[in-house]
PDB file of N, CA and C in Angstrom:
ATOM      1  N   MET A   1     115.845 -36.544  19.446  1.00  0.00           N
ATOM      2  CA  MET A   1     117.299 -36.550  19.305  1.00  0.00           C
ATOM      3  C   MET A   1     117.899 -36.376  20.754  1.00  0.00           C
ATOM      4  N   ARG A   2     118.720 -37.424  21.069  1.00  0.00           N
ATOM      5  CA  ARG A   2     119.329 -37.411  22.453  1.00  0.00           C
ATOM      6  C   ARG A   2     120.656 -36.735  22.417  1.00  0.00           C
ATOM      7  N   ARG A   3     120.977 -36.015  23.519  1.00  0.00           N
ATOM      8  CA  ARG A   3     122.322 -35.451  23.704  1.00  0.00           C
ATOM      9  C   ARG A   3     123.159 -36.422  24.355  1.00  0.00           C
ATOM     10  N   SER A   4     124.448 -36.513  23.940  1.00  0.00           N
ATOM     11  CA  SER A   4     125.350 -37.377  24.617  1.00  0.00           C
ATOM     12  C   SER A   4     125.872 -36.726  25.897  1.00  0.00           C
ATOM     13  N   LEU A   5     125.920 -37.421  26.999  1.00  0.00           N
ATOM     14  CA  LEU A   5     126.445 -36.880  28.234  1.00  0.00           C
ATOM     15  C   LEU A   5     127.949 -37.115  28.289  1.00  0.00           C
ATOM     16  N   LYS A   6     128.617 -36.027  28.177  1.00  0.00           N
ATOM     17  CA  LYS A   6     130.081 -36.055  28.147  1.00  0.00           C
ATOM     18  C   LYS A   6     130.619 -35.724  29.500  1.00  0.00           C
ATOM     19  N   MET A   7     131.494 -36.569  30.047  1.00  0.00           N
ATOM     20  CA  MET A   7     132.140 -36.266  31.325  1.00  0.00           C
ATOM     21  C   MET A   7     133.259 -35.230  31.121  1.00  0.00           C
ATOM     22  N   SER A   8     133.264 -34.199  32.013  1.00  0.00           N
ATOM     23  CA  SER A   8     134.332 -33.227  31.853  1.00  0.00           C
ATOM     24  C   SER A   8     135.580 -33.756  32.485  1.00  0.00           C
ATOM     25  N   LYS A   9     136.719 -33.329  31.984  1.00  0.00           N
ATOM     26  CA  LYS A   9     138.013 -33.800  32.453  1.00  0.00           C
ATOM     27  C   LYS A   9     138.311 -33.199  33.860  1.00  0.00           C
ATOM     28  N   ILE A  10     138.829 -33.988  34.758  1.00  0.00           N
ATOM     29  CA  ILE A  10     139.294 -33.430  36.002  1.00  0.00           C
ATOM     30  C   ILE A  10     140.753 -33.862  36.162  1.00  0.00           C
ATOM     31  N   LEU A  11     141.616 -32.831  36.268  1.00  0.00           N
ATOM     32  CA  LEU A  11     143.098 -33.037  36.296  1.00  0.00           C
ATOM     33  C   LEU A  11     143.645 -32.413  37.564  1.00  0.00           C
ATOM     34  N   GLU A  12     144.870 -32.961  37.954  1.00  0.00           N
ATOM     35  CA  GLU A  12     145.554 -32.338  39.070  1.00  0.00           C
ATOM     36  C   GLU A  12     146.924 -31.784  38.586  1.00  0.00           C
ATOM     37  N   GLY A  13     147.294 -30.621  39.206  1.00  0.00           N
ATOM     38  CA  GLY A  13     148.520 -30.044  38.778  1.00  0.00           C
ATOM     39  C   GLY A  13     149.049 -29.013  39.855  1.00  0.00           C
ATOM     40  N   VAL A  14     150.021 -28.324  39.516  1.00  0.00           N
ATOM     41  CA  VAL A  14     150.697 -27.389  40.404  1.00  0.00           C
ATOM     42  C   VAL A  14     150.600 -25.987  39.772  1.00  0.00           C
ATOM     43  N   VAL A  15     150.324 -25.017  40.599  1.00  0.00           N
ATOM     44  CA  VAL A  15     150.215 -23.605  40.116  1.00  0.00           C
ATOM     45  C   VAL A  15     151.603 -23.094  39.857  1.00  0.00           C
ATOM     46  N   VAL A  16     151.875 -22.599  38.638  1.00  0.00           N
ATOM     47  CA  VAL A  16     153.256 -22.134  38.319  1.00  0.00           C
ATOM     48  C   VAL A  16     153.205 -20.595  38.093  1.00  0.00           C
ATOM     49  N   SER A  17     152.042 -19.955  37.880  1.00  0.00           N
ATOM     50  CA  SER A  17     151.998 -18.519  37.671  1.00  0.00           C
ATOM     51  C   SER A  17     150.709 -17.924  38.048  1.00  0.00           C
ATOM     52  N   LEU A  18     150.757 -16.776  38.658  1.00  0.00           N
ATOM     53  CA  LEU A  18     149.591 -16.047  39.056  1.00  0.00           C
ATOM     54  C   LEU A  18     149.645 -14.547  38.609  1.00  0.00           C
ATOM     55  N   LYS A  19     150.265 -14.367  37.479  1.00  0.00           N
ATOM     56  CA  LYS A  19     150.477 -12.964  36.992  1.00  0.00           C
ATOM     57  C   LYS A  19     149.317 -12.323  36.247  1.00  0.00           C
ATOM     58  N   MET A  20     148.240 -13.080  36.074  1.00  0.00           N
ATOM     59  CA  MET A  20     147.040 -12.530  35.413  1.00  0.00           C
ATOM     60  C   MET A  20     145.924 -12.370  36.460  1.00  0.00           C
ATOM     61  N   GLN A  21     145.002 -11.491  36.119  1.00  0.00           N
ATOM     62  CA  GLN A  21     143.814 -11.325  37.039  1.00  0.00           C
ATOM     63  C   GLN A  21     142.845 -12.521  36.795  1.00  0.00           C
ATOM     64  N   LYS A  22     142.442 -13.119  37.864  1.00  0.00           N
ATOM     65  CA  LYS A  22     141.419 -14.187  37.878  1.00  0.00           C
ATOM     66  C   LYS A  22     141.872 -15.420  37.088  1.00  0.00           C
ATOM     67  N   THR A  23     143.140 -15.563  36.803  1.00  0.00           N
ATOM     68  CA  THR A  23     143.655 -16.739  36.054  1.00  0.00           C
ATOM     69  C   THR A  23     144.907 -17.208  36.605  1.00  0.00           C
ATOM     70  N   ALA A  24     145.114 -18.547  36.642  1.00  0.00           N
ATOM     71  CA  ALA A  24     146.314 -19.183  37.146  1.00  0.00           C
ATOM     72  C   ALA A  24     146.822 -20.128  36.090  1.00  0.00           C
ATOM     73  N   VAL A  25     148.096 -20.266  35.895  1.00  0.00           N
ATOM     74  CA  VAL A  25     148.602 -21.257  34.952  1.00  0.00           C
ATOM     75  C   VAL A  25     148.930 -22.513  35.857  1.00  0.00           C
ATOM     76  N   VAL A  26     148.395 -23.606  35.441  1.00  0.00           N
ATOM     77  CA  VAL A  26     148.577 -24.859  36.192  1.00  0.00           C
ATOM     78  C   VAL A  26     149.406 -25.792  35.339  1.00  0.00           C
ATOM     79  N   LYS A  27     150.476 -26.409  35.838  1.00  0.00           N
ATOM     80  CA  LYS A  27     151.256 -27.359  35.164  1.00  0.00           C
ATOM     81  C   LYS A  27     150.702 -28.725  35.478  1.00  0.00           C
ATOM     82  N   VAL A  28     150.243 -29.429  34.424  1.00  0.00           N
ATOM     83  CA  VAL A  28     149.727 -30.745  34.531  1.00  0.00           C
ATOM     84  C   VAL A  28     150.725 -31.737  33.837  1.00  0.00           C
ATOM     85  N   SER A  29     151.205 -32.751  34.614  1.00  0.00           N
ATOM     86  CA  SER A  29     152.145 -33.701  34.142  1.00  0.00           C
ATOM     87  C   SER A  29     151.508 -35.056  33.876  1.00  0.00           C
ATOM     88  N   ARG A  30     152.012 -35.655  32.813  1.00  0.00           N
ATOM     89  CA  ARG A  30     151.588 -37.076  32.552  1.00  0.00           C
ATOM     90  C   ARG A  30     152.726 -37.871  32.058  1.00  0.00           C
ATOM     91  N   VAL A  31     152.681 -39.225  32.255  1.00  0.00           N
ATOM     92  CA  VAL A  31     153.791 -40.023  31.862  1.00  0.00           C
ATOM     93  C   VAL A  31     153.273 -40.960  30.750  1.00  0.00           C
ATOM     94  N   THR A  32     153.950 -40.950  29.599  1.00  0.00           N
ATOM     95  CA  THR A  32     153.479 -41.750  28.507  1.00  0.00           C
ATOM     96  C   THR A  32     154.709 -42.537  27.932  1.00  0.00           C
ATOM     97  N   PRO A  33     154.492 -43.694  27.319  1.00  0.00           N
ATOM     98  CA  PRO A  33     155.622 -44.405  26.707  1.00  0.00           C
ATOM     99  C   PRO A  33     155.965 -43.764  25.351  1.00  0.00           C
ATOM    100  N   HIS A  34     157.246 -43.750  25.054  1.00  0.00           N
ATOM    101  CA  HIS A  34     157.715 -43.353  23.737  1.00  0.00           C
ATOM    102  C   HIS A  34     157.130 -44.273  22.666  1.00  0.00           C
ATOM    103  N   PRO A  35     156.601 -43.742  21.540  1.00  0.00           N
ATOM    104  CA  PRO A  35     155.978 -44.580  20.544  1.00  0.00           C
ATOM    105  C   PRO A  35     156.868 -45.694  19.939  1.00  0.00           C
ATOM    106  N   ILE A  36     158.143 -45.451  19.879  1.00  0.00           N
ATOM    107  CA  ILE A  36     159.059 -46.482  19.203  1.00  0.00           C
ATOM    108  C   ILE A  36     159.890 -47.178  20.279  1.00  0.00           C
ATOM    109  N   TYR A  37     160.542 -46.398  21.232  1.00  0.00           N
ATOM    110  CA  TYR A  37     161.462 -46.987  22.222  1.00  0.00           C
ATOM    111  C   TYR A  37     160.784 -47.467  23.454  1.00  0.00           C
ATOM    112  N   LYS A  38     159.474 -47.145  23.664  1.00  0.00           N
ATOM    113  CA  LYS A  38     158.761 -47.644  24.808  1.00  0.00           C
ATOM    114  C   LYS A  38     159.297 -47.174  26.143  1.00  0.00           C
ATOM    115  N   ARG A  39     160.140 -46.275  26.167  1.00  0.00           N
ATOM    116  CA  ARG A  39     160.710 -45.715  27.446  1.00  0.00           C
ATOM    117  C   ARG A  39     159.693 -44.659  27.925  1.00  0.00           C
ATOM    118  N   LEU A  40     159.437 -44.553  29.240  1.00  0.00           N
ATOM    119  CA  LEU A  40     158.457 -43.637  29.812  1.00  0.00           C
ATOM    120  C   LEU A  40     159.042 -42.176  29.681  1.00  0.00           C
ATOM    121  N   ILE A  41     158.227 -41.276  29.172  1.00  0.00           N
ATOM    122  CA  ILE A  41     158.573 -39.920  29.090  1.00  0.00           C
ATOM    123  C   ILE A  41     157.611 -39.017  29.812  1.00  0.00           C
ATOM    124  N   LYS A  42     158.145 -38.032  30.557  1.00  0.00           N
ATOM    125  CA  LYS A  42     157.282 -37.187  31.336  1.00  0.00           C
ATOM    126  C   LYS A  42     156.945 -35.953  30.443  1.00  0.00           C
ATOM    127  N   ARG A  43     155.673 -35.703  30.269  1.00  0.00           N
ATOM    128  CA  ARG A  43     155.213 -34.556  29.438  1.00  0.00           C
ATOM    129  C   ARG A  43     154.459 -33.556  30.349  1.00  0.00           C
ATOM    130  N   ASP A  44     154.817 -32.283  30.238  1.00  0.00           N
ATOM    131  CA  ASP A  44     154.141 -31.202  31.013  1.00  0.00           C
ATOM    132  C   ASP A  44     153.322 -30.308  30.094  1.00  0.00           C
ATOM    133  N   ARG A  45     152.260 -29.799  30.582  1.00  0.00           N
ATOM    134  CA  ARG A  45     151.400 -28.936  29.863  1.00  0.00           C
ATOM    135  C   ARG A  45     150.871 -27.812  30.765  1.00  0.00           C
ATOM    136  N   GLY A  46     151.008 -26.549  30.313  1.00  0.00           N
ATOM    137  CA  GLY A  46     150.543 -25.440  31.119  1.00  0.00           C
ATOM    138  C   GLY A  46     149.074 -25.116  30.684  1.00  0.00           C
ATOM    139  N   ILE A  47     148.178 -25.210  31.649  1.00  0.00           N
ATOM    140  CA  ILE A  47     146.788 -24.948  31.388  1.00  0.00           C
ATOM    141  C   ILE A  47     146.366 -23.751  32.120  1.00  0.00           C
ATOM    142  N   LYS A  48     145.692 -22.829  31.463  1.00  0.00           N
ATOM    143  CA  LYS A  48     145.133 -21.618  32.156  1.00  0.00           C
ATOM    144  C   LYS A  48     143.826 -21.947  32.724  1.00  0.00           C
ATOM    145  N   ALA A  49     143.652 -21.641  34.097  1.00  0.00           N
ATOM    146  CA  ALA A  49     142.401 -22.012  34.763  1.00  0.00           C
ATOM    147  C   ALA A  49     141.931 -20.754  35.491  1.00  0.00           C
ATOM    148  N   ASP A  50     140.571 -20.711  35.575  1.00  0.00           N
ATOM    149  CA  ASP A  50     139.901 -19.623  36.282  1.00  0.00           C
ATOM    150  C   ASP A  50     140.037 -19.811  37.784  1.00  0.00           C
ATOM    151  N   THR A  51     140.418 -18.786  38.562  1.00  0.00           N
ATOM    152  CA  THR A  51     140.637 -18.950  39.985  1.00  0.00           C
ATOM    153  C   THR A  51     139.377 -18.792  40.787  1.00  0.00           C
ATOM    154  N   SER A  52     138.421 -17.999  40.283  1.00  0.00           N
ATOM    155  CA  SER A  52     137.080 -17.897  40.846  1.00  0.00           C
ATOM    156  C   SER A  52     137.052 -17.806  42.353  1.00  0.00           C
ATOM    157  N   GLY A  53     137.774 -16.895  42.964  1.00  0.00           N
ATOM    158  CA  GLY A  53     137.708 -16.606  44.437  1.00  0.00           C
ATOM    159  C   GLY A  53     138.623 -17.434  45.230  1.00  0.00           C
ATOM    160  N   PHE A  54     139.434 -18.297  44.716  1.00  0.00           N
ATOM    161  CA  PHE A  54     140.386 -19.006  45.528  1.00  0.00           C
ATOM    162  C   PHE A  54     141.619 -18.098  45.810  1.00  0.00           C
ATOM    163  N   LYS A  55     142.119 -18.183  47.090  1.00  0.00           N
ATOM    164  CA  LYS A  55     143.404 -17.575  47.420  1.00  0.00           C
ATOM    165  C   LYS A  55     144.506 -18.575  47.101  1.00  0.00           C
ATOM    166  N   LEU A  56     145.315 -18.371  46.075  1.00  0.00           N
ATOM    167  CA  LEU A  56     146.337 -19.297  45.680  1.00  0.00           C
ATOM    168  C   LEU A  56     147.705 -18.704  45.777  1.00  0.00           C
ATOM    169  N   ASN A  57     148.658 -19.562  45.936  1.00  0.00           N
ATOM    170  CA  ASN A  57     150.094 -19.291  45.911  1.00  0.00           C
ATOM    171  C   ASN A  57     150.766 -20.119  44.867  1.00  0.00           C
ATOM    172  N   VAL A  58     151.928 -19.654  44.364  1.00  0.00           N
ATOM    173  CA  VAL A  58     152.721 -20.469  43.450  1.00  0.00           C
ATOM    174  C   VAL A  58     153.155 -21.711  44.203  1.00  0.00           C
ATOM    175  N   GLY A  59     153.027 -22.915  43.567  1.00  0.00           N
ATOM    176  CA  GLY A  59     153.470 -24.122  44.244  1.00  0.00           C
ATOM    177  C   GLY A  59     152.282 -24.972  44.871  1.00  0.00           C
ATOM    178  N   ASP A  60     151.027 -24.392  44.978  1.00  0.00           N
ATOM    179  CA  ASP A  60     149.896 -25.083  45.445  1.00  0.00           C
ATOM    180  C   ASP A  60     149.470 -26.178  44.464  1.00  0.00           C
ATOM    181  N   LYS A  61     149.119 -27.328  45.052  1.00  0.00           N
ATOM    182  CA  LYS A  61     148.530 -28.379  44.270  1.00  0.00           C
ATOM    183  C   LYS A  61     147.096 -28.121  44.186  1.00  0.00           C
ATOM    184  N   VAL A  62     146.500 -28.171  42.955  1.00  0.00           N
ATOM    185  CA  VAL A  62     145.058 -27.956  42.727  1.00  0.00           C
ATOM    186  C   VAL A  62     144.455 -28.953  41.865  1.00  0.00           C
ATOM    187  N   LYS A  63     143.129 -29.068  41.931  1.00  0.00           N
ATOM    188  CA  LYS A  63     142.380 -29.901  41.054  1.00  0.00           C
ATOM    189  C   LYS A  63     141.530 -29.028  40.181  1.00  0.00           C
ATOM    190  N   ILE A  64     141.660 -29.267  38.784  1.00  0.00           N
ATOM    191  CA  ILE A  64     140.952 -28.361  37.873  1.00  0.00           C
ATOM    192  C   ILE A  64     139.928 -29.187  37.061  1.00  0.00           C
ATOM    193  N   GLN A  65     138.890 -28.530  36.616  1.00  0.00           N
ATOM    194  CA  GLN A  65     137.830 -29.208  35.871  1.00  0.00           C
ATOM    195  C   GLN A  65     137.574 -28.486  34.540  1.00  0.00           C
ATOM    196  N   GLU A  66     137.398 -29.238  33.485  1.00  0.00           N
ATOM    197  CA  GLU A  66     137.035 -28.662  32.168  1.00  0.00           C
ATOM    198  C   GLU A  66     135.668 -28.085  32.197  1.00  0.00           C
ATOM    199  N   THR A  67     135.534 -26.891  31.604  1.00  0.00           N
ATOM    200  CA  THR A  67     134.225 -26.167  31.529  1.00  0.00           C
ATOM    201  C   THR A  67     134.051 -25.696  30.167  1.00  0.00           C
ATOM    202  N   LYS A  68     132.915 -24.979  29.873  1.00  0.00           N
ATOM    203  CA  LYS A  68     132.808 -24.323  28.564  1.00  0.00           C
ATOM    204  C   LYS A  68     133.770 -23.208  28.554  1.00  0.00           C
ATOM    205  N   PRO A  69     134.233 -22.777  27.338  1.00  0.00           N
ATOM    206  CA  PRO A  69     135.223 -21.735  27.285  1.00  0.00           C
ATOM    207  C   PRO A  69     134.860 -20.463  28.048  1.00  0.00           C
ATOM    208  N   ILE A  70     135.797 -19.980  28.842  1.00  0.00           N
ATOM    209  CA  ILE A  70     135.564 -18.771  29.620  1.00  0.00           C
ATOM    210  C   ILE A  70     136.115 -17.550  28.847  1.00  0.00           C
ATOM    211  N   SER A  71     137.223 -17.827  28.230  1.00  0.00           N
ATOM    212  CA  SER A  71     137.826 -16.792  27.354  1.00  0.00           C
ATOM    213  C   SER A  71     138.558 -17.512  26.177  1.00  0.00           C
ATOM    214  N   LYS A  72     139.334 -16.773  25.414  1.00  0.00           N
ATOM    215  CA  LYS A  72     140.036 -17.413  24.247  1.00  0.00           C
ATOM    216  C   LYS A  72     140.912 -18.592  24.662  1.00  0.00           C
ATOM    217  N   GLN A  73     141.661 -18.450  25.736  1.00  0.00           N
ATOM    218  CA  GLN A  73     142.595 -19.516  26.112  1.00  0.00           C
ATOM    219  C   GLN A  73     142.167 -20.250  27.351  1.00  0.00           C
ATOM    220  N   LYS A  74     141.089 -19.901  27.995  1.00  0.00           N
ATOM    221  CA  LYS A  74     140.777 -20.483  29.338  1.00  0.00           C
ATOM    222  C   LYS A  74     139.476 -21.298  29.236  1.00  0.00           C
ATOM    223  N   ALA A  75     139.611 -22.598  29.510  1.00  0.00           N
ATOM    224  CA  ALA A  75     138.413 -23.484  29.465  1.00  0.00           C
ATOM    225  C   ALA A  75     138.482 -24.453  30.602  1.00  0.00           C
ATOM    226  N   PHE A  76     139.188 -24.075  31.734  1.00  0.00           N
ATOM    227  CA  PHE A  76     139.221 -24.853  32.983  1.00  0.00           C
ATOM    228  C   PHE A  76     138.941 -24.003  34.091  1.00  0.00           C
ATOM    229  N   ARG A  77     138.382 -24.528  35.219  1.00  0.00           N
ATOM    230  CA  ARG A  77     138.273 -23.794  36.424  1.00  0.00           C
ATOM    231  C   ARG A  77     138.826 -24.597  37.585  1.00  0.00           C
ATOM    232  N   ILE A  78     139.231 -23.933  38.665  1.00  0.00           N
ATOM    233  CA  ILE A  78     139.799 -24.625  39.834  1.00  0.00           C
ATOM    234  C   ILE A  78     138.730 -25.085  40.719  1.00  0.00           C
ATOM    235  N   LEU A  79     138.723 -26.423  40.955  1.00  0.00           N
ATOM    236  CA  LEU A  79     137.715 -27.082  41.853  1.00  0.00           C
ATOM    237  C   LEU A  79     138.084 -26.902  43.304  1.00  0.00           C
ATOM    238  N   GLU A  80     139.362 -27.268  43.647  1.00  0.00           N
ATOM    239  CA  GLU A  80     139.752 -27.198  45.048  1.00  0.00           C
ATOM    240  C   GLU A  80     141.295 -27.145  45.144  1.00  0.00           C
ATOM    241  N   VAL A  81     141.726 -26.663  46.326  1.00  0.00           N
ATOM    242  CA  VAL A  81     143.188 -26.633  46.574  1.00  0.00           C
ATOM    243  C   VAL A  81     143.440 -27.867  47.436  1.00  0.00           C
ATOM    244  N   LEU A  82     144.400 -28.694  46.996  1.00  0.00           N
ATOM    245  CA  LEU A  82     144.675 -29.890  47.624  1.00  0.00           C
ATOM    246  C   LEU A  82     145.731 -29.695  48.744  1.00  0.00           C
ATOM    247  N   PRO A  83     145.630 -30.406  49.941  1.00  0.00           N
ATOM    248  CA  PRO A  83     146.602 -30.235  50.953  1.00  0.00           C
ATOM    249  C   PRO A  83     148.013 -30.687  50.514  1.00  0.00           C
ATOM    250  N   LYS A  84     149.064 -30.111  51.039  1.00  0.00           N
ATOM    251  CA  LYS A  84     150.378 -30.433  50.696  1.00  0.00           C
ATOM    252  C   LYS A  84     150.870 -31.662  51.290  1.00  0.00           C
TER     253      LYS A  84
END
């Protein structure tokens, strides 16, 4: 029995909150067409990510990667802080 190799998601976003210990809320934006009107709509999503030793500030651009669940709401970790 072979296991399927699943690629983990890598997303880019902006840190919007650092009020938790070892956790940052990252806003990830995407642009999708409206299903009926076909006009482009911007959708934002707040994702909780593990900081794992990074020194972050609100407004930093970061790259996050999907991992196995770390806690109830946290299944991403920060890979790197991108230059502004």
